[in-house]
């Protein structure tokens, strides 16, 4: 048994996320109200299914940064046209990630861990990369503090594997402190990232 990984990490997650939700309750309510009007009736929250620990599917929650505006044919407009000024701001400041504290509190996620990715990627991980699902996914992780959207898929997933292999309290503290530093410096943040989907990239390599 590894005490930190098997017990203390979850205990810290519960206390930290619960305390943060309590302290931030008023600001979070204000942002929710702000987005309710800015998103033109599209709602303030975005829910999406993601695989968590052992591949169990859960719904991750984030603040919604785009409207649901559609063209004459009923198709959603491009992301850049639906992104509001408020949405761009909450992305730049990473405020859009804060509702995931609820996912941490109820046990779907951890504060630190590999980012939860799309379910469609599950068949495309290498055997080594699959160990990312042996732990709870995180709001931030080793890949996020080492380049985030500027990394290739292979680099991101390698960082995830390294995180799991070296999971300990000291490393989690380092990642958390670096994350806070990067948020204040707005480092490696793309408001409207235009990356390639993992499955598309690896399918094209076959």
Protein backbone atom coordinates (compact mmCIF):
# COMPACT_ATOMS: atom_id res chain seq x y z
CA UNK A 1 0.00 0.00 0.00
CA UNK A 2 1.22 3.50 -0.84
CA UNK A 3 -0.25 5.76 1.90
CA UNK A 4 -0.22 9.03 -0.05
CA UNK A 5 -1.57 7.62 -3.30
CA UNK A 6 -4.15 5.32 -1.67
CA UNK A 7 -5.42 7.52 1.17
CA UNK A 8 -3.90 10.94 1.89
CA UNK A 9 -4.21 12.27 -1.67
CA UNK A 10 -7.98 11.74 -1.62
CA UNK A 11 -8.28 13.23 1.88
CA UNK A 12 -6.40 16.33 0.75
CA UNK A 13 -8.63 16.58 -2.34
CA UNK A 14 -11.80 16.53 -0.25
CA UNK A 15 -10.58 19.15 2.24
CA UNK A 16 -9.02 21.45 -0.38
CA UNK A 17 -11.90 21.33 -2.87
CA UNK A 18 -14.55 21.65 -0.15
CA UNK A 19 -12.76 24.62 1.39
CA UNK A 20 -12.24 26.27 -2.00
CA UNK A 21 -15.90 25.85 -2.97
CA UNK A 22 -16.95 27.43 0.32
CA UNK A 23 -14.53 30.37 0.08
CA UNK A 24 -15.26 30.97 -3.61
CA UNK A 25 -19.03 30.49 -3.40
CA UNK A 26 -19.86 34.19 -3.87
CA UNK A 27 -17.43 34.79 -6.78
CA UNK A 28 -18.57 31.57 -8.45
CA UNK A 29 -22.20 32.65 -8.13
CA UNK A 30 -21.34 36.02 -9.65
CA UNK A 31 -19.57 34.40 -12.62
CA UNK A 32 -22.53 32.05 -13.09
CA UNK A 33 -24.94 34.99 -13.27
CA UNK A 34 -22.57 36.91 -15.58
CA UNK A 35 -22.36 33.97 -18.00
CA UNK A 36 -26.11 33.39 -17.88
CA UNK A 37 -26.63 36.70 -19.64
CA UNK A 38 -23.44 36.72 -21.76
CA UNK A 39 -24.18 33.30 -23.27
CA UNK A 40 -27.58 34.43 -24.58
CA UNK A 41 -29.61 31.74 -22.90
CA UNK A 42 -27.12 28.92 -23.51
CA UNK A 43 -26.53 28.46 -19.77
CA UNK A 44 -23.52 29.06 -17.56
CA UNK A 45 -22.18 25.50 -17.36
CA UNK A 46 -20.73 23.04 -19.85
CA UNK A 47 -20.99 19.30 -19.18
CA UNK A 48 -19.12 16.64 -21.11
CA UNK A 49 -18.51 12.94 -20.61
CA UNK A 50 -14.92 11.98 -19.89
CA UNK A 51 -13.25 8.74 -18.73
CA UNK A 52 -11.94 8.84 -15.18
CA UNK A 53 -10.16 6.34 -12.97
CA UNK A 54 -10.27 2.83 -14.48
CA UNK A 55 -11.97 4.35 -17.52
CA UNK A 56 -15.25 4.98 -15.69
CA UNK A 57 -17.23 7.65 -17.51
CA UNK A 58 -18.28 10.76 -15.59
CA UNK A 59 -19.47 14.25 -16.53
CA UNK A 60 -16.88 16.97 -16.14
CA UNK A 61 -18.29 20.44 -15.45
CA UNK A 62 -16.78 23.75 -16.57
CA UNK A 63 -18.02 27.28 -16.99
CA UNK A 64 -19.43 27.67 -20.49
CA UNK A 65 -17.51 30.19 -22.58
CA UNK A 66 -19.53 30.07 -25.82
CA UNK A 67 -23.08 30.67 -26.98
CA UNK A 68 -25.17 28.09 -28.85
CA UNK A 69 -25.72 30.32 -31.88
CA UNK A 70 -26.38 28.52 -35.17
CA UNK A 71 -26.42 29.35 -38.86
CA UNK A 72 -29.43 29.30 -41.21
CA UNK A 73 -29.10 25.50 -41.58
CA UNK A 74 -29.20 24.94 -37.83
CA UNK A 75 -25.50 24.12 -37.52
CA UNK A 76 -23.45 25.61 -34.70
CA UNK A 77 -21.35 28.56 -35.76
CA UNK A 78 -17.53 28.15 -35.59
CA UNK A 79 -16.10 28.29 -32.08
CA UNK A 80 -14.40 31.65 -32.64
CA UNK A 81 -17.75 33.22 -33.54
CA UNK A 82 -19.52 31.79 -30.50
CA UNK A 83 -16.79 32.68 -28.00
CA UNK A 84 -17.95 35.69 -25.98
CA UNK A 85 -15.75 38.40 -24.46
CA UNK A 86 -16.63 37.03 -21.05
CA UNK A 87 -15.78 33.53 -22.28
CA UNK A 88 -12.38 34.67 -23.54
CA UNK A 89 -11.69 36.29 -20.17
CA UNK A 90 -12.55 33.22 -18.09
CA UNK A 91 -10.40 31.07 -20.37
CA UNK A 92 -7.41 33.42 -20.14
CA UNK A 93 -7.67 33.44 -16.35
CA UNK A 94 -8.53 29.70 -16.10
CA UNK A 95 -11.71 30.61 -14.20
CA UNK A 96 -13.58 28.27 -16.53
CA UNK A 97 -11.88 25.32 -14.78
CA UNK A 98 -13.09 26.19 -11.26
CA UNK A 99 -16.41 24.25 -11.36
CA UNK A 100 -14.30 21.09 -11.59
CA UNK A 101 -13.68 21.56 -7.87
CA UNK A 102 -17.10 19.91 -7.53
CA UNK A 103 -15.85 16.93 -9.57
CA UNK A 104 -12.90 16.72 -7.17
CA UNK A 105 -15.10 16.95 -4.08
CA UNK A 106 -17.41 14.10 -5.15
CA UNK A 107 -14.50 11.89 -6.22
CA UNK A 108 -14.61 11.97 -10.02
CA UNK A 109 -11.35 13.90 -10.19
CA UNK A 110 -8.31 14.98 -8.19
CA UNK A 111 -6.69 18.38 -7.92
CA UNK A 112 -3.56 16.95 -9.57
CA UNK A 113 -3.51 14.25 -12.23
CA UNK A 114 -3.67 13.61 -15.97
CA UNK A 115 -6.30 15.79 -17.64
CA UNK A 116 -9.51 13.87 -18.47
CA UNK A 117 -9.69 13.50 -22.25
CA UNK A 118 -12.42 12.45 -24.68
CA UNK A 119 -13.90 8.91 -24.51
CA UNK A 120 -13.25 8.51 -28.26
CA UNK A 121 -9.52 8.44 -27.49
CA UNK A 122 -9.70 5.29 -25.34
CA UNK A 123 -8.83 2.79 -28.12
CA UNK A 124 -5.88 4.88 -29.28
CA UNK A 125 -3.62 4.89 -26.21
CA UNK A 126 -0.48 2.77 -26.18
CA UNK A 127 -0.12 0.21 -23.40
CA UNK A 128 2.17 2.58 -21.49
CA UNK A 129 -0.19 5.54 -21.92
CA UNK A 130 -3.13 3.56 -20.53
CA UNK A 131 -1.69 3.85 -17.01
CA UNK A 132 -3.04 7.44 -16.98
CA UNK A 133 -6.40 5.85 -16.06
CA UNK A 134 -5.02 4.06 -13.00
CA UNK A 135 -5.43 7.35 -11.07
CA UNK A 136 -8.13 10.01 -10.90
CA UNK A 137 -7.81 12.67 -13.61
CA UNK A 138 -6.83 16.14 -12.42
CA UNK A 139 -7.71 19.79 -12.86
CA UNK A 140 -4.01 20.31 -13.54
CA UNK A 141 -1.14 17.94 -14.11
CA UNK A 142 2.45 17.44 -15.18
CA UNK A 143 1.67 18.04 -18.86
CA UNK A 144 -0.17 21.28 -18.05
CA UNK A 145 2.86 22.79 -16.29
CA UNK A 146 5.26 21.67 -19.02
CA UNK A 147 3.72 23.26 -22.08
CA UNK A 148 -0.01 22.51 -22.01
CA UNK A 149 -1.44 23.19 -25.50
CA UNK A 150 2.05 23.70 -26.94
CA UNK A 151 2.89 20.01 -26.54
CA UNK A 152 2.35 17.25 -29.08
CA UNK A 153 0.02 14.40 -28.15
CA UNK A 154 2.96 12.05 -27.66
CA UNK A 155 4.60 14.53 -25.28
CA UNK A 156 1.41 15.12 -23.28
CA UNK A 157 0.69 11.43 -22.83
CA UNK A 158 4.31 10.69 -21.92
CA UNK A 159 4.11 13.33 -19.18
CA UNK A 160 0.91 11.66 -17.94
CA UNK A 161 2.64 8.29 -17.74
CA UNK A 162 5.61 9.84 -15.92
CA UNK A 163 3.25 11.48 -13.45
CA UNK A 164 1.62 8.18 -12.54
CA UNK A 165 4.96 6.41 -12.23
CA UNK A 166 6.34 9.09 -9.89
CA UNK A 167 3.18 10.07 -8.02
CA UNK A 168 4.02 11.46 -4.58
CA UNK A 169 3.18 14.38 -2.30
CA UNK A 170 6.26 16.47 -3.15
CA UNK A 171 5.67 16.24 -6.90
CA UNK A 172 1.99 17.16 -6.46
CA UNK A 173 3.00 20.24 -4.46
CA UNK A 174 5.46 21.27 -7.17
CA UNK A 175 2.79 20.91 -9.88
CA UNK A 176 0.25 22.87 -7.84
CA UNK A 177 2.66 25.75 -7.14
CA UNK A 178 3.77 25.88 -10.79
CA UNK A 179 0.14 25.89 -11.90
CA UNK A 180 -0.64 28.89 -9.68
CA UNK A 181 2.44 30.68 -11.05
CA UNK A 182 1.45 29.90 -14.66
CA UNK A 183 -2.14 31.09 -14.12
CA UNK A 184 -0.95 34.46 -12.81
CA UNK A 185 1.49 34.76 -15.71
CA UNK A 186 -1.14 33.42 -18.16
CA UNK A 187 1.50 31.07 -19.50
CA UNK A 188 0.76 28.47 -22.23
CA UNK A 189 -2.92 29.43 -22.36
CA UNK A 190 -4.69 29.41 -25.71
CA UNK A 191 -8.12 31.03 -25.70
CA UNK A 192 -9.22 29.17 -28.83
CA UNK A 193 -6.88 26.18 -29.33
CA UNK A 194 -7.02 24.54 -32.74
CA UNK A 195 -5.29 21.24 -32.11
CA UNK A 196 -5.69 17.89 -33.88
CA UNK A 197 -7.78 15.20 -32.22
CA UNK A 198 -5.68 12.30 -30.91
CA UNK A 199 -7.65 9.63 -32.75
CA UNK A 200 -7.44 11.54 -36.05
CA UNK A 201 -3.69 11.99 -35.65
CA UNK A 202 -2.98 8.36 -34.87
CA UNK A 203 -5.40 7.05 -37.48
CA UNK A 204 -3.56 9.08 -40.10
CA UNK A 205 -0.27 7.50 -39.04
CA UNK A 206 -1.52 3.98 -39.75
